[in-house]
Amino acid sequence: MNDMNSIICIMRQQIANNGQSKRFVAERSNISYQRLQRIFNQGAVMSATEFLRLCKTLKLDPMLFYDDQPKVG
């Protein structure tokens, strides 16, 4: 699974499951709240550092998002 929308969907679900606010997640991951909003709501591309920070904050294994299947096409 490497589609950005799928990644964001899983992260949103994890935030909800943990009962956290986006503001809390932004503070804990050292990403500005405004930037987090752009990533989650406006399709801004997340950097690798932001991705790893969010995974750590949300207690998600980054390998969950790794798809090692070759792409045909």
PDB file of N, CA and C in Angstrom:
ATOM      1  N   MET A   1       0.853  -1.168   0.000  1.00  0.00           N
ATOM      2  CA  MET A   1       0.000   0.000   0.000  1.00  0.00           C
ATOM      3  C   MET A   1       0.900   1.233   0.000  1.00  0.00           C
ATOM      4  N   ASN A   2       0.922   1.964  -1.078  1.00  0.00           N
ATOM      5  CA  ASN A   2       1.772   3.142  -1.115  1.00  0.00           C
ATOM      6  C   ASN A   2       1.044   4.369  -1.617  1.00  0.00           C
ATOM      7  N   ASP A   3      -0.243   4.279  -1.818  1.00  0.00           N
ATOM      8  CA  ASP A   3      -1.028   5.412  -2.264  1.00  0.00           C
ATOM      9  C   ASP A   3      -1.145   6.434  -1.128  1.00  0.00           C
ATOM     10  N   MET A   4      -0.843   7.684  -1.419  1.00  0.00           N
ATOM     11  CA  MET A   4      -0.835   8.727  -0.380  1.00  0.00           C
ATOM     12  C   MET A   4      -2.190   8.851   0.310  1.00  0.00           C
ATOM     13  N   ASN A   5      -3.283   8.731  -0.447  1.00  0.00           N
ATOM     14  CA  ASN A   5      -4.608   8.827   0.176  1.00  0.00           C
ATOM     15  C   ASN A   5      -4.832   7.701   1.172  1.00  0.00           C
ATOM     16  N   SER A   6      -4.331   6.509   0.865  1.00  0.00           N
ATOM     17  CA  SER A   6      -4.458   5.380   1.789  1.00  0.00           C
ATOM     18  C   SER A   6      -3.651   5.621   3.060  1.00  0.00           C
ATOM     19  N   ILE A   7      -2.466   6.183   2.893  1.00  0.00           N
ATOM     20  CA  ILE A   7      -1.617   6.494   4.048  1.00  0.00           C
ATOM     21  C   ILE A   7      -2.315   7.502   4.955  1.00  0.00           C
ATOM     22  N   ILE A   8      -2.825   8.563   4.360  1.00  0.00           N
ATOM     23  CA  ILE A   8      -3.517   9.602   5.136  1.00  0.00           C
ATOM     24  C   ILE A   8      -4.750   9.011   5.820  1.00  0.00           C
ATOM     25  N   CYS A   9      -5.490   8.166   5.114  1.00  0.00           N
ATOM     26  CA  CYS A   9      -6.684   7.543   5.681  1.00  0.00           C
ATOM     27  C   CYS A   9      -6.334   6.714   6.917  1.00  0.00           C
ATOM     28  N   ILE A  10      -5.283   5.929   6.839  1.00  0.00           N
ATOM     29  CA  ILE A  10      -4.856   5.108   7.982  1.00  0.00           C
ATOM     30  C   ILE A  10      -4.400   5.997   9.128  1.00  0.00           C
ATOM     31  N   MET A  11      -3.675   7.062   8.824  1.00  0.00           N
ATOM     32  CA  MET A  11      -3.222   7.975   9.879  1.00  0.00           C
ATOM     33  C   MET A  11      -4.401   8.671  10.543  1.00  0.00           C
ATOM     34  N   ARG A  12      -5.376   9.101   9.749  1.00  0.00           N
ATOM     35  CA  ARG A  12      -6.580   9.728  10.324  1.00  0.00           C
ATOM     36  C   ARG A  12      -7.305   8.756  11.244  1.00  0.00           C
ATOM     37  N   GLN A  13      -7.428   7.512  10.794  1.00  0.00           N
ATOM     38  CA  GLN A  13      -8.095   6.491  11.588  1.00  0.00           C
ATOM     39  C   GLN A  13      -7.355   6.260  12.905  1.00  0.00           C
ATOM     40  N   GLN A  14      -6.042   6.244  12.848  1.00  0.00           N
ATOM     41  CA  GLN A  14      -5.236   6.040  14.056  1.00  0.00           C
ATOM     42  C   GLN A  14      -5.415   7.209  15.029  1.00  0.00           C
ATOM     43  N   ILE A  15      -5.469   8.417  14.503  1.00  0.00           N
ATOM     44  CA  ILE A  15      -5.699   9.599  15.350  1.00  0.00           C
ATOM     45  C   ILE A  15      -7.043   9.458  16.060  1.00  0.00           C
ATOM     46  N   ALA A  16      -8.063   9.070  15.306  1.00  0.00           N
ATOM     47  CA  ALA A  16      -9.401   8.903  15.888  1.00  0.00           C
ATOM     48  C   ALA A  16      -9.410   7.774  16.917  1.00  0.00           C
ATOM     49  N   ASN A  17      -8.788   6.655  16.579  1.00  0.00           N
ATOM     50  CA  ASN A  17      -8.748   5.508  17.498  1.00  0.00           C
ATOM     51  C   ASN A  17      -8.040   5.850  18.804  1.00  0.00           C
ATOM     52  N   ASN A  18      -7.019   6.703  18.715  1.00  0.00           N
ATOM     53  CA  ASN A  18      -6.260   7.105  19.903  1.00  0.00           C
ATOM     54  C   ASN A  18      -6.932   8.234  20.670  1.00  0.00           C
ATOM     55  N   GLY A  19      -8.002   8.798  20.109  1.00  0.00           N
ATOM     56  CA  GLY A  19      -8.681   9.910  20.760  1.00  0.00           C
ATOM     57  C   GLY A  19      -7.833  11.167  20.804  1.00  0.00           C
ATOM     58  N   GLN A  20      -6.955  11.314  19.817  1.00  0.00           N
ATOM     59  CA  GLN A  20      -6.058  12.470  19.770  1.00  0.00           C
ATOM     60  C   GLN A  20      -6.624  13.538  18.841  1.00  0.00           C
ATOM     61  N   SER A  21      -6.185  14.748  19.032  1.00  0.00           N
ATOM     62  CA  SER A  21      -6.526  15.818  18.108  1.00  0.00           C
ATOM     63  C   SER A  21      -5.374  16.002  17.124  1.00  0.00           C
ATOM     64  N   LYS A  22      -5.671  16.587  15.991  1.00  0.00           N
ATOM     65  CA  LYS A  22      -4.607  16.870  15.017  1.00  0.00           C
ATOM     66  C   LYS A  22      -3.601  17.851  15.609  1.00  0.00           C
ATOM     67  N   ARG A  23      -4.079  18.765  16.412  1.00  0.00           N
ATOM     68  CA  ARG A  23      -3.170  19.738  17.042  1.00  0.00           C
ATOM     69  C   ARG A  23      -2.177  19.016  17.959  1.00  0.00           C
ATOM     70  N   PHE A  24      -2.648  18.051  18.736  1.00  0.00           N
ATOM     71  CA  PHE A  24      -1.787  17.260  19.611  1.00  0.00           C
ATOM     72  C   PHE A  24      -0.757  16.496  18.783  1.00  0.00           C
ATOM     73  N   VAL A  25      -1.214  15.850  17.720  1.00  0.00           N
ATOM     74  CA  VAL A  25      -0.318  15.083  16.852  1.00  0.00           C
ATOM     75  C   VAL A  25       0.724  15.998  16.220  1.00  0.00           C
ATOM     76  N   ALA A  26       0.310  17.169  15.790  1.00  0.00           N
ATOM     77  CA  ALA A  26       1.244  18.130  15.194  1.00  0.00           C
ATOM     78  C   ALA A  26       2.328  18.510  16.197  1.00  0.00           C
ATOM     79  N   GLU A  27       1.929  18.825  17.412  1.00  0.00           N
ATOM     80  CA  GLU A  27       2.899  19.209  18.439  1.00  0.00           C
ATOM     81  C   GLU A  27       3.859  18.070  18.752  1.00  0.00           C
ATOM     82  N   ARG A  28       3.329  16.866  18.928  1.00  0.00           N
ATOM     83  CA  ARG A  28       4.163  15.720  19.274  1.00  0.00           C
ATOM     84  C   ARG A  28       5.127  15.329  18.159  1.00  0.00           C
ATOM     85  N   SER A  29       4.721  15.551  16.916  1.00  0.00           N
ATOM     86  CA  SER A  29       5.561  15.159  15.784  1.00  0.00           C
ATOM     87  C   SER A  29       6.437  16.308  15.293  1.00  0.00           C
ATOM     88  N   ASN A  30       6.339  17.448  15.968  1.00  0.00           N
ATOM     89  CA  ASN A  30       7.147  18.622  15.606  1.00  0.00           C
ATOM     90  C   ASN A  30       6.880  19.075  14.163  1.00  0.00           C
ATOM     91  N   ILE A  31       5.604  19.026  13.784  1.00  0.00           N
ATOM     92  CA  ILE A  31       5.138  19.533  12.497  1.00  0.00           C
ATOM     93  C   ILE A  31       4.122  20.617  12.822  1.00  0.00           C
ATOM     94  N   SER A  32       4.187  21.733  12.143  1.00  0.00           N
ATOM     95  CA  SER A  32       3.232  22.792  12.462  1.00  0.00           C
ATOM     96  C   SER A  32       1.810  22.306  12.158  1.00  0.00           C
ATOM     97  N   TYR A  33       0.872  22.805  12.941  1.00  0.00           N
ATOM     98  CA  TYR A  33      -0.524  22.421  12.757  1.00  0.00           C
ATOM     99  C   TYR A  33      -0.999  22.784  11.355  1.00  0.00           C
ATOM    100  N   GLN A  34      -0.586  23.959  10.888  1.00  0.00           N
ATOM    101  CA  GLN A  34      -0.974  24.409   9.549  1.00  0.00           C
ATOM    102  C   GLN A  34      -0.439  23.441   8.485  1.00  0.00           C
ATOM    103  N   ARG A  35       0.795  23.007   8.650  1.00  0.00           N
ATOM    104  CA  ARG A  35       1.387  22.060   7.698  1.00  0.00           C
ATOM    105  C   ARG A  35       0.652  20.724   7.741  1.00  0.00           C
ATOM    106  N   LEU A  36       0.333  20.243   8.930  1.00  0.00           N
ATOM    107  CA  LEU A  36      -0.397  18.986   9.060  1.00  0.00           C
ATOM    108  C   LEU A  36      -1.765  19.081   8.381  1.00  0.00           C
ATOM    109  N   GLN A  37      -2.426  20.202   8.537  1.00  0.00           N
ATOM    110  CA  GLN A  37      -3.713  20.423   7.877  1.00  0.00           C
ATOM    111  C   GLN A  37      -3.565  20.371   6.358  1.00  0.00           C
ATOM    112  N   ARG A  38      -2.506  20.966   5.838  1.00  0.00           N
ATOM    113  CA  ARG A  38      -2.281  20.935   4.381  1.00  0.00           C
ATOM    114  C   ARG A  38      -2.036  19.509   3.901  1.00  0.00           C
ATOM    115  N   ILE A  39      -1.296  18.731   4.674  1.00  0.00           N
ATOM    116  CA  ILE A  39      -1.035  17.335   4.305  1.00  0.00           C
ATOM    117  C   ILE A  39      -2.335  16.533   4.327  1.00  0.00           C
ATOM    118  N   PHE A  40      -3.106  16.666   5.391  1.00  0.00           N
ATOM    119  CA  PHE A  40      -4.302  15.848   5.566  1.00  0.00           C
ATOM    120  C   PHE A  40      -5.490  16.315   4.734  1.00  0.00           C
ATOM    121  N   ASN A  41      -5.620  17.604   4.495  1.00  0.00           N
ATOM    122  CA  ASN A  41      -6.833  18.122   3.863  1.00  0.00           C
ATOM    123  C   ASN A  41      -6.652  18.695   2.469  1.00  0.00           C
ATOM    124  N   GLN A  42      -5.434  19.062   2.103  1.00  0.00           N
ATOM    125  CA  GLN A  42      -5.245  19.735   0.822  1.00  0.00           C
ATOM    126  C   GLN A  42      -4.309  18.975  -0.111  1.00  0.00           C
ATOM    127  N   GLY A  43      -3.924  17.782   0.267  1.00  0.00           N
ATOM    128  CA  GLY A  43      -3.117  16.957  -0.611  1.00  0.00           C
ATOM    129  C   GLY A  43      -1.661  17.361  -0.732  1.00  0.00           C
ATOM    130  N   ALA A  44      -1.151  18.140   0.222  1.00  0.00           N
ATOM    131  CA  ALA A  44       0.272  18.499   0.193  1.00  0.00           C
ATOM    132  C   ALA A  44       1.101  17.228   0.342  1.00  0.00           C
ATOM    133  N   VAL A  45       2.206  17.172  -0.353  1.00  0.00           N
ATOM    134  CA  VAL A  45       3.066  15.997  -0.303  1.00  0.00           C
ATOM    135  C   VAL A  45       3.831  15.990   1.014  1.00  0.00           C
ATOM    136  N   MET A  46       3.809  14.854   1.666  1.00  0.00           N
ATOM    137  CA  MET A  46       4.486  14.680   2.944  1.00  0.00           C
ATOM    138  C   MET A  46       5.946  14.285   2.684  1.00  0.00           C
ATOM    139  N   SER A  47       6.868  14.926   3.380  1.00  0.00           N
ATOM    140  CA  SER A  47       8.281  14.549   3.251  1.00  0.00           C
ATOM    141  C   SER A  47       8.512  13.238   3.995  1.00  0.00           C
ATOM    142  N   ALA A  48       9.633  12.609   3.708  1.00  0.00           N
ATOM    143  CA  ALA A  48       9.986  11.364   4.397  1.00  0.00           C
ATOM    144  C   ALA A  48      10.128  11.613   5.897  1.00  0.00           C
ATOM    145  N   THR A  49      10.718  12.733   6.264  1.00  0.00           N
ATOM    146  CA  THR A  49      10.878  13.068   7.679  1.00  0.00           C
ATOM    147  C   THR A  49       9.520  13.242   8.346  1.00  0.00           C
ATOM    148  N   GLU A  50       8.614  13.955   7.699  1.00  0.00           N
ATOM    149  CA  GLU A  50       7.271  14.140   8.258  1.00  0.00           C
ATOM    150  C   GLU A  50       6.562  12.795   8.401  1.00  0.00           C
ATOM    151  N   PHE A  51       6.694  11.950   7.382  1.00  0.00           N
ATOM    152  CA  PHE A  51       6.090  10.620   7.420  1.00  0.00           C
ATOM    153  C   PHE A  51       6.591   9.830   8.626  1.00  0.00           C
ATOM    154  N   LEU A  52       7.896   9.801   8.812  1.00  0.00           N
ATOM    155  CA  LEU A  52       8.469   9.036   9.928  1.00  0.00           C
ATOM    156  C   LEU A  52       8.084   9.631  11.276  1.00  0.00           C
ATOM    157  N   ARG A  53       8.046  10.950  11.369  1.00  0.00           N
ATOM    158  CA  ARG A  53       7.633  11.595  12.624  1.00  0.00           C
ATOM    159  C   ARG A  53       6.188  11.242  12.965  1.00  0.00           C
ATOM    160  N   LEU A  54       5.322  11.284  11.945  1.00  0.00           N
ATOM    161  CA  LEU A  54       3.920  10.949  12.175  1.00  0.00           C
ATOM    162  C   LEU A  54       3.765   9.480  12.559  1.00  0.00           C
ATOM    163  N   CYS A  55       4.483   8.605  11.883  1.00  0.00           N
ATOM    164  CA  CYS A  55       4.429   7.178  12.237  1.00  0.00           C
ATOM    165  C   CYS A  55       4.841   6.971  13.692  1.00  0.00           C
ATOM    166  N   LYS A  56       5.914   7.623  14.106  1.00  0.00           N
ATOM    167  CA  LYS A  56       6.381   7.478  15.486  1.00  0.00           C
ATOM    168  C   LYS A  56       5.338   8.009  16.471  1.00  0.00           C
ATOM    169  N   THR A  57       4.798   9.183  16.197  1.00  0.00           N
ATOM    170  CA  THR A  57       3.805   9.790  17.079  1.00  0.00           C
ATOM    171  C   THR A  57       2.548   8.931  17.178  1.00  0.00           C
ATOM    172  N   LEU A  58       2.141   8.364  16.041  1.00  0.00           N
ATOM    173  CA  LEU A  58       0.912   7.578  15.997  1.00  0.00           C
ATOM    174  C   LEU A  58       1.137   6.099  16.333  1.00  0.00           C
ATOM    175  N   LYS A  59       2.397   5.760  16.606  1.00  0.00           N
ATOM    176  CA  LYS A  59       2.760   4.367  16.923  1.00  0.00           C
ATOM    177  C   LYS A  59       2.363   3.426  15.784  1.00  0.00           C
ATOM    178  N   LEU A  60       2.701   3.847  14.571  1.00  0.00           N
ATOM    179  CA  LEU A  60       2.476   3.035  13.379  1.00  0.00           C
ATOM    180  C   LEU A  60       3.827   2.578  12.841  1.00  0.00           C
ATOM    181  N   ASP A  61       3.941   1.334  12.483  1.00  0.00           N
ATOM    182  CA  ASP A  61       5.156   0.819  11.868  1.00  0.00           C
ATOM    183  C   ASP A  61       5.228   1.328  10.431  1.00  0.00           C
ATOM    184  N   PRO A  62       6.253   2.071  10.061  1.00  0.00           N
ATOM    185  CA  PRO A  62       6.350   2.588   8.684  1.00  0.00           C
ATOM    186  C   PRO A  62       6.304   1.480   7.631  1.00  0.00           C
ATOM    187  N   MET A  63       6.722   0.277   8.005  1.00  0.00           N
ATOM    188  CA  MET A  63       6.709  -0.827   7.046  1.00  0.00           C
ATOM    189  C   MET A  63       5.284  -1.275   6.697  1.00  0.00           C
ATOM    190  N   LEU A  64       4.312  -0.858   7.497  1.00  0.00           N
ATOM    191  CA  LEU A  64       2.908  -1.129   7.189  1.00  0.00           C
ATOM    192  C   LEU A  64       2.548  -0.581   5.802  1.00  0.00           C
ATOM    193  N   PHE A  65       3.212   0.483   5.415  1.00  0.00           N
ATOM    194  CA  PHE A  65       2.882   1.177   4.170  1.00  0.00           C
ATOM    195  C   PHE A  65       3.739   0.727   2.992  1.00  0.00           C
ATOM    196  N   TYR A  66       4.653  -0.196   3.227  1.00  0.00           N
ATOM    197  CA  TYR A  66       5.570  -0.642   2.192  1.00  0.00           C
ATOM    198  C   TYR A  66       4.924  -1.745   1.357  1.00  0.00           C
ATOM    199  N   ASP A  67       4.920  -1.555   0.060  1.00  0.00           N
ATOM    200  CA  ASP A  67       4.379  -2.542  -0.864  1.00  0.00           C
ATOM    201  C   ASP A  67       5.528  -3.016  -1.739  1.00  0.00           C
ATOM    202  N   ASP A  68       5.943  -4.259  -1.537  1.00  0.00           N
ATOM    203  CA  ASP A  68       7.094  -4.758  -2.292  1.00  0.00           C
ATOM    204  C   ASP A  68       6.688  -5.501  -3.563  1.00  0.00           C
ATOM    205  N   GLN A  69       5.420  -5.397  -3.932  1.00  0.00           N
ATOM    206  CA  GLN A  69       4.979  -6.043  -5.160  1.00  0.00           C
ATOM    207  C   GLN A  69       5.400  -5.207  -6.369  1.00  0.00           C
ATOM    208  N   PRO A  70       5.990  -5.846  -7.379  1.00  0.00           N
ATOM    209  CA  PRO A  70       6.395  -5.097  -8.568  1.00  0.00           C
ATOM    210  C   PRO A  70       5.198  -4.550  -9.318  1.00  0.00           C
ATOM    211  N   LYS A  71       5.336  -3.375  -9.869  1.00  0.00           N
ATOM    212  CA  LYS A  71       4.277  -2.735 -10.638  1.00  0.00           C
ATOM    213  C   LYS A  71       4.390  -3.163 -12.091  1.00  0.00           C
ATOM    214  N   VAL A  72       3.295  -3.560 -12.663  1.00  0.00           N
ATOM    215  CA  VAL A  72       3.265  -3.964 -14.063  1.00  0.00           C
ATOM    216  C   VAL A  72       2.518  -2.901 -14.837  1.00  0.00           C
ATOM    217  N   GLY A  73       3.086  -2.500 -15.946  1.00  0.00           N
ATOM    218  CA  GLY A  73       2.349  -1.526 -16.733  1.00  0.00           C
ATOM    219  C   GLY A  73       3.223  -0.562 -17.317  1.00  0.00           C
TER     220      GLY A  73
END
